[in-house]
Protein backbone atom coordinates (compact mmCIF):
# COMPACT_ATOMS: atom_id res chain seq x y z
CA UNK A 1 -21.42 -9.13 -20.25
CA UNK A 2 -22.95 -6.09 -18.66
CA UNK A 3 -21.78 -2.72 -19.96
CA UNK A 4 -20.21 0.29 -17.90
CA UNK A 5 -24.18 1.88 -18.03
CA UNK A 6 -25.06 -1.44 -16.22
CA UNK A 7 -22.54 -1.64 -13.77
CA UNK A 8 -23.35 1.88 -12.96
CA UNK A 9 -26.70 1.59 -12.69
CA UNK A 10 -26.70 -1.23 -9.82
CA UNK A 11 -23.76 1.03 -8.17
CA UNK A 12 -26.28 3.91 -7.97
CA UNK A 13 -28.90 1.62 -6.62
CA UNK A 14 -27.01 0.67 -3.72
CA UNK A 15 -26.55 3.98 -2.74
CA UNK A 16 -29.77 3.28 -0.64
CA UNK A 17 -27.56 1.06 1.75
CA UNK A 18 -24.21 2.87 1.62
CA UNK A 19 -25.04 5.80 2.46
CA UNK A 20 -26.93 5.20 6.12
CA UNK A 21 -24.44 2.72 6.75
CA UNK A 22 -21.39 5.45 6.24
CA UNK A 23 -23.34 7.61 8.32
CA UNK A 24 -23.80 4.82 10.73
CA UNK A 25 -20.21 4.22 10.80
CA UNK A 26 -19.20 8.05 11.07
CA UNK A 27 -21.34 7.96 14.56
CA UNK A 28 -18.55 5.31 15.79
CA UNK A 29 -15.70 6.90 13.88
CA UNK A 30 -15.74 10.21 12.04
CA UNK A 31 -12.57 9.16 9.75
CA UNK A 32 -13.79 5.37 9.27
CA UNK A 33 -16.97 6.30 7.60
CA UNK A 34 -16.00 9.57 5.77
CA UNK A 35 -13.57 7.12 4.15
CA UNK A 36 -15.71 4.16 3.42
CA UNK A 37 -18.19 6.35 1.65
CA UNK A 38 -15.74 8.68 -0.05
CA UNK A 39 -14.26 5.04 -1.20
CA UNK A 40 -17.97 4.03 -2.48
CA UNK A 41 -18.09 7.04 -4.16
CA UNK A 42 -14.51 7.33 -5.84
CA UNK A 43 -15.71 4.06 -7.92
CA UNK A 44 -17.75 6.35 -10.02
CA UNK A 45 -14.52 7.51 -11.66
CA UNK A 46 -11.73 4.41 -10.30
CA UNK A 47 -13.92 1.00 -11.56
CA UNK A 48 -12.64 -2.76 -12.88
CA UNK A 49 -12.68 -1.90 -15.83
CA UNK A 50 -9.84 0.47 -15.79
CA UNK A 51 -7.86 -2.76 -17.38
CA UNK A 52 -9.79 -2.26 -21.01
CA UNK A 53 -7.58 -0.20 -23.56
CA UNK A 54 -9.39 2.62 -24.69
CA UNK A 55 -11.54 4.41 -22.32
CA UNK A 56 -14.20 3.32 -20.25
CA UNK A 57 -17.31 4.84 -19.33
CA UNK A 58 -15.90 5.29 -15.90
CA UNK A 59 -12.62 6.98 -17.03
CA UNK A 60 -15.42 9.45 -19.57
CA UNK A 61 -16.83 10.43 -16.15
CA UNK A 62 -13.53 10.95 -14.48
CA UNK A 63 -12.59 13.55 -17.61
CA UNK A 64 -15.69 14.90 -17.68
CA UNK A 65 -16.66 15.32 -14.06
CA UNK A 66 -13.06 16.45 -12.69
CA UNK A 67 -11.66 19.18 -14.48
CA UNK A 68 -8.00 18.83 -13.97
CA UNK A 69 -7.46 16.35 -11.71
CA UNK A 70 -9.41 14.20 -14.19
CA UNK A 71 -6.67 14.43 -17.22
CA UNK A 72 -4.59 13.71 -14.92
CA UNK A 73 -6.07 10.32 -13.00
CA UNK A 74 -6.84 9.17 -16.96
CA UNK A 75 -3.23 9.64 -17.51
CA UNK A 76 -2.55 7.12 -14.34
CA UNK A 77 -5.79 4.70 -15.68
CA UNK A 78 -4.42 4.47 -19.19
CA UNK A 79 -0.99 3.32 -17.75
CA UNK A 80 -2.90 0.87 -15.27
CA UNK A 81 -4.75 -0.38 -18.73
CA UNK A 82 -1.94 -0.70 -20.17
CA UNK A 83 0.13 -2.92 -18.09
CA UNK A 84 -3.37 -4.98 -17.40
CA UNK A 85 -4.52 -5.23 -20.93
CA UNK A 86 -4.49 -9.24 -21.13
CA UNK A 87 -5.98 -9.43 -17.72
CA UNK A 88 -9.58 -7.81 -18.40
CA UNK A 89 -12.14 -10.09 -15.76
CA UNK A 90 -9.21 -12.18 -14.57
CA UNK A 91 -8.34 -12.19 -10.83
CA UNK A 92 -5.85 -9.47 -10.97
CA UNK A 93 -8.08 -7.07 -12.32
CA UNK A 94 -10.96 -7.59 -11.50
CA UNK A 95 -11.14 -9.46 -8.00
CA UNK A 96 -12.21 -7.01 -5.55
CA UNK A 97 -9.77 -5.83 -2.36
CA UNK A 98 -6.87 -7.80 -4.20
CA UNK A 99 -7.34 -5.88 -7.50
CA UNK A 100 -8.53 -2.40 -5.83
CA UNK A 101 -5.39 -2.85 -3.86
CA UNK A 102 -3.46 -2.78 -7.33
CA UNK A 103 -5.42 0.57 -8.51
CA UNK A 104 -4.72 2.27 -4.82
CA UNK A 105 -0.98 1.81 -5.61
CA UNK A 106 -0.87 2.62 -9.21
CA UNK A 107 -2.85 6.06 -7.86
CA UNK A 108 -1.16 6.25 -4.57
CA UNK A 109 2.31 6.82 -5.72
CA UNK A 110 2.37 9.74 -7.58
CA UNK A 111 -0.14 10.86 -4.65
CA UNK A 112 2.18 9.94 -1.62
CA UNK A 113 5.26 11.75 -3.69
CA UNK A 114 3.17 15.06 -4.00
CA UNK A 115 2.06 14.92 -0.10
CA UNK A 116 5.43 14.03 0.77
CA UNK A 117 6.67 17.59 -1.02
CA UNK A 118 4.81 18.85 1.62
CA UNK A 119 5.97 16.97 4.61
CA UNK A 120 2.72 15.30 5.04
CA UNK A 121 2.60 13.10 8.07
CA UNK A 122 1.24 9.72 6.82
CA UNK A 123 1.44 7.93 10.25
CA UNK A 124 -1.75 9.90 11.59
CA UNK A 125 -4.31 7.65 12.98
CA UNK A 126 -6.76 9.26 11.26
CA UNK A 127 -5.20 9.12 7.65
CA UNK A 128 -4.43 5.67 8.01
CA UNK A 129 -8.35 5.03 9.90
CA UNK A 130 -9.93 6.65 6.83
CA UNK A 131 -7.07 5.26 3.90
CA UNK A 132 -8.40 1.88 5.19
CA UNK A 133 -12.23 2.35 4.91
CA UNK A 134 -11.39 4.27 1.79
CA UNK A 135 -10.12 1.41 0.34
CA UNK A 136 -13.22 -1.04 2.05
CA UNK A 137 -15.53 0.97 0.26
CA UNK A 138 -13.93 1.02 -3.40
CA UNK A 139 -13.66 -2.79 -2.67
CA UNK A 140 -17.79 -3.38 -1.57
CA UNK A 141 -18.34 -1.64 -5.18
CA UNK A 142 -16.05 -3.36 -7.14
CA UNK A 143 -17.72 -6.35 -5.23
CA UNK A 144 -20.86 -5.20 -7.42
CA UNK A 145 -18.80 -4.78 -10.44
CA UNK A 146 -17.70 -8.49 -9.98
CA UNK A 147 -20.46 -10.11 -9.34
CA UNK A 148 -22.57 -8.42 -12.12
CA UNK A 149 -19.31 -10.15 -14.38
CA UNK A 150 -20.14 -13.55 -12.79
CA UNK A 151 -23.77 -13.47 -12.57
CA UNK A 152 -24.19 -12.76 -16.15
CA UNK A 153 -21.40 -14.67 -17.66
CA UNK A 154 -19.30 -14.28 -21.15
């Protein structure tokens, strides 16, 4: 099976396509393009392997590269890993779009309550469109991870 290092190598190689495509989307809608690009980049710290008990390579990058927030996110990813520990490389934890949505829900609940405490308006069109394209960008990156796992096999 590909290691986290192999997954990350392919993730970086696809940036050659993602960055220009995101810039193109920004010409149509700034929030959609920014959402897609930031979602793809977020895979650097939030990949399909959050379902592994113990720290994955993406979680190591998260803690090392995001000084305070990374430790908070590591707590969330560890909780995710303990809940989904028996589903490694299964549909619920690895299939793009579906598993991506589950991880975003784990992240979104604390963020939702944090923003809600500041009376943030979640119904703003720019926010909803950006969030949708964030999910699509992260799902695209998850697809690369998923395809590598399928192509190499156990």
